Amino acid sequence: MSTGLNTQENRVGLYTPEQKKRRDESVWTLIQGILAPLQFLVFAISLVLVVRYMMTGEGYVLASISILIKTGFLYAIMITGAIWEKVVFGQYLLAPAFFWEDVVSFFVIALHTLYVWAFLSGTIPPQGQMLIALAAYLVYVVNAGQFLWKLRMARLQAEAMA
């Protein structure tokens, strides 16, 4: 008898019926639904501050603080997302339905973490730090697009099943 956690059997779209039930009943789904738009809002504000610094040379401290806050949101959403994936799919990361999103997320985390290291160590000058942040933000936008696409696919799946 299969648990439905790691198997692809009976999969229609992103989720098997058991996975969809676990997704819908999990508090982690709600947490992800709250954190994702908050992280995007922090990203948008931070992007403006980083671009302002890059264009004018002003506001380094404010831009840096905004990047650190964005990174904190990223870590929170990644940890809670891994827990969500465990609840729904039976593994913390790289579940087949979200494999490529997780892979790109690793690059997002790596670039944000590189920024934190550069900021704390001071080994990379402020302009370089901001370039790292902009690279992290570019990959974040790609990753957010991946997740939005999956959200749309899940909605279409739900409509097809109704």
Protein backbone atom coordinates (compact mmCIF):
# COMPACT_ATOMS: atom_id res chain seq x y z
CA MET A 1 0.00 0.00 0.00
CA SER A 2 1.44 3.33 -1.07
CA THR A 3 1.55 6.38 1.18
CA GLY A 4 1.33 8.68 -1.83
CA LEU A 5 4.19 10.75 -0.42
CA ASN A 6 6.99 10.07 -2.89
CA THR A 7 5.17 8.30 -5.66
CA GLN A 8 3.94 9.68 -8.93
CA GLU A 9 1.06 7.21 -9.18
CA ASN A 10 -2.40 8.71 -9.56
CA ARG A 11 -0.82 12.11 -10.25
CA VAL A 12 -2.93 14.47 -12.29
CA GLY A 13 -1.07 17.75 -12.68
CA LEU A 14 1.06 18.79 -9.73
CA TYR A 15 -0.54 16.76 -6.98
CA THR A 16 -1.98 13.34 -6.37
CA PRO A 17 -5.34 13.52 -4.59
CA GLU A 18 -3.58 12.67 -1.29
CA GLN A 19 -0.95 15.36 -1.82
CA LYS A 20 -3.62 17.94 -2.65
CA LYS A 21 -5.48 17.03 0.54
CA ARG A 22 -2.29 17.41 2.62
CA ARG A 23 -1.53 20.71 0.86
CA ASP A 24 -5.00 22.08 1.53
CA GLU A 25 -4.97 21.00 5.20
CA SER A 26 -1.45 22.17 6.04
CA VAL A 27 -0.84 25.33 8.06
CA TRP A 28 2.40 25.62 6.06
CA THR A 29 0.36 26.39 2.94
CA LEU A 30 -1.12 29.40 4.71
CA ILE A 31 2.30 30.47 6.00
CA GLN A 32 3.73 30.30 2.48
CA GLY A 33 0.75 32.26 1.20
CA ILE A 34 1.48 35.03 3.71
CA LEU A 35 5.28 35.07 3.42
CA ALA A 36 5.47 35.08 -0.38
CA PRO A 37 3.68 38.40 -0.99
CA LEU A 38 5.42 39.99 2.02
CA GLN A 39 8.79 38.92 0.63
CA PHE A 40 7.84 40.37 -2.76
CA LEU A 41 6.85 43.68 -1.15
CA VAL A 42 10.18 43.85 0.71
CA PHE A 43 11.95 42.95 -2.55
CA ALA A 44 10.21 45.76 -4.45
CA ILE A 45 11.08 48.36 -1.82
CA SER A 46 14.65 47.08 -1.59
CA LEU A 47 15.07 47.08 -5.36
CA VAL A 48 14.12 50.76 -5.47
CA LEU A 49 16.61 51.54 -2.70
CA VAL A 50 19.41 49.55 -4.35
CA VAL A 51 18.82 51.15 -7.75
CA ARG A 52 18.71 54.58 -6.08
CA TYR A 53 22.08 53.89 -4.46
CA MET A 54 23.56 52.64 -7.73
CA MET A 55 22.34 55.74 -9.59
CA THR A 56 23.14 58.40 -6.99
CA GLY A 57 25.65 56.89 -4.56
CA GLU A 58 23.28 57.85 -1.74
CA GLY A 59 21.46 55.62 0.73
CA TYR A 60 23.96 52.78 1.12
CA VAL A 61 22.93 52.01 4.71
CA LEU A 62 19.22 52.00 3.92
CA ALA A 63 19.74 49.85 0.81
CA SER A 64 21.90 47.43 2.81
CA ILE A 65 19.34 47.13 5.60
CA SER A 66 16.63 46.46 3.02
CA ILE A 67 18.71 43.68 1.44
CA LEU A 68 19.30 42.10 4.85
CA ILE A 69 15.56 42.23 5.59
CA LYS A 70 14.83 40.69 2.16
CA THR A 71 17.38 37.96 2.91
CA GLY A 72 15.69 37.26 6.25
CA PHE A 73 12.35 36.83 4.49
CA LEU A 74 14.03 34.57 1.93
CA TYR A 75 15.49 32.31 4.62
CA ALA A 76 12.12 32.16 6.39
CA ILE A 77 10.23 31.26 3.23
CA MET A 78 12.84 28.68 2.25
CA ILE A 79 12.76 26.94 5.65
CA THR A 80 8.97 26.94 5.86
CA GLY A 81 8.78 25.91 2.20
CA ALA A 82 11.00 22.91 2.87
CA ILE A 83 8.71 21.92 5.75
CA TRP A 84 5.68 22.39 3.46
CA GLU A 85 7.30 20.17 0.85
CA LYS A 86 7.94 17.48 3.49
CA VAL A 87 4.30 17.60 4.62
CA VAL A 88 2.89 17.49 1.09
CA PHE A 89 5.42 15.34 -0.80
CA GLY A 90 7.30 13.46 1.92
CA GLN A 91 10.69 15.06 1.32
CA TYR A 92 12.17 18.36 2.37
CA LEU A 93 13.43 19.50 -1.01
CA LEU A 94 13.57 18.51 -4.66
CA ALA A 95 10.17 16.82 -4.79
CA PRO A 96 9.53 16.03 -8.47
CA ALA A 97 6.66 18.53 -8.75
CA PHE A 98 8.92 21.39 -7.58
CA PHE A 99 12.37 20.13 -8.53
CA TRP A 100 13.43 23.00 -10.80
CA GLU A 101 11.94 25.64 -8.54
CA ASP A 102 14.04 24.24 -5.70
CA VAL A 103 17.17 24.12 -7.85
CA VAL A 104 16.80 27.78 -8.82
CA SER A 105 16.01 28.59 -5.17
CA PHE A 106 19.45 27.25 -4.24
CA PHE A 107 21.00 29.88 -6.52
CA VAL A 108 18.80 32.58 -4.99
CA ILE A 109 19.91 31.55 -1.50
CA ALA A 110 23.55 31.33 -2.54
CA LEU A 111 23.56 34.84 -4.00
CA HIS A 112 21.75 36.35 -1.01
CA THR A 113 24.17 34.59 1.33
CA LEU A 114 27.11 35.84 -0.73
CA TYR A 115 25.73 39.36 -0.29
CA VAL A 116 25.49 38.90 3.50
CA TRP A 117 29.08 37.65 3.60
CA ALA A 118 30.27 40.56 1.44
CA PHE A 119 28.40 43.05 3.61
CA LEU A 120 29.59 41.64 6.94
CA SER A 121 33.18 41.03 5.88
CA GLY A 122 33.60 44.28 3.98
CA THR A 123 35.91 42.51 1.53
CA ILE A 124 33.81 43.67 -1.42
CA PRO A 125 33.19 47.41 -1.81
CA PRO A 126 29.63 48.79 -1.62
CA GLN A 127 29.16 48.95 -5.42
CA GLY A 128 30.14 45.28 -5.69
CA GLN A 129 27.82 44.37 -2.84
CA MET A 130 24.94 46.05 -4.63
CA LEU A 131 25.78 44.22 -7.86
CA ILE A 132 25.61 40.94 -5.95
CA ALA A 133 22.23 42.01 -4.56
CA LEU A 134 20.97 42.89 -8.03
CA ALA A 135 22.11 39.49 -9.34
CA ALA A 136 20.33 37.83 -6.41
CA TYR A 137 17.20 39.84 -7.18
CA LEU A 138 17.29 38.88 -10.85
CA VAL A 139 17.43 35.18 -10.00
CA TYR A 140 14.74 35.74 -7.35
CA VAL A 141 12.41 37.20 -10.00
CA VAL A 142 12.97 34.14 -12.20
CA ASN A 143 12.27 31.88 -9.22
CA ALA A 144 9.15 33.83 -8.24
CA GLY A 145 7.94 33.45 -11.83
CA GLN A 146 8.45 29.69 -11.58
CA PHE A 147 6.33 29.52 -8.43
CA LEU A 148 3.62 31.75 -9.89
CA TRP A 149 3.47 29.44 -12.90
CA LYS A 150 3.06 26.43 -10.57
CA LEU A 151 0.36 28.25 -8.62
CA ARG A 152 -1.48 28.85 -11.88
CA MET A 153 -1.07 25.19 -12.86
CA ALA A 154 -2.48 24.12 -9.47
CA ARG A 155 -5.49 26.40 -9.96
CA LEU A 156 -6.10 25.01 -13.43
CA GLN A 157 -5.82 21.50 -12.02
CA ALA A 158 -8.38 22.33 -9.32
CA GLU A 159 -10.77 23.76 -11.92
CA ALA A 160 -10.37 20.66 -14.11
CA MET A 161 -11.10 18.39 -11.15
CA ALA A 162 -14.21 20.39 -10.12
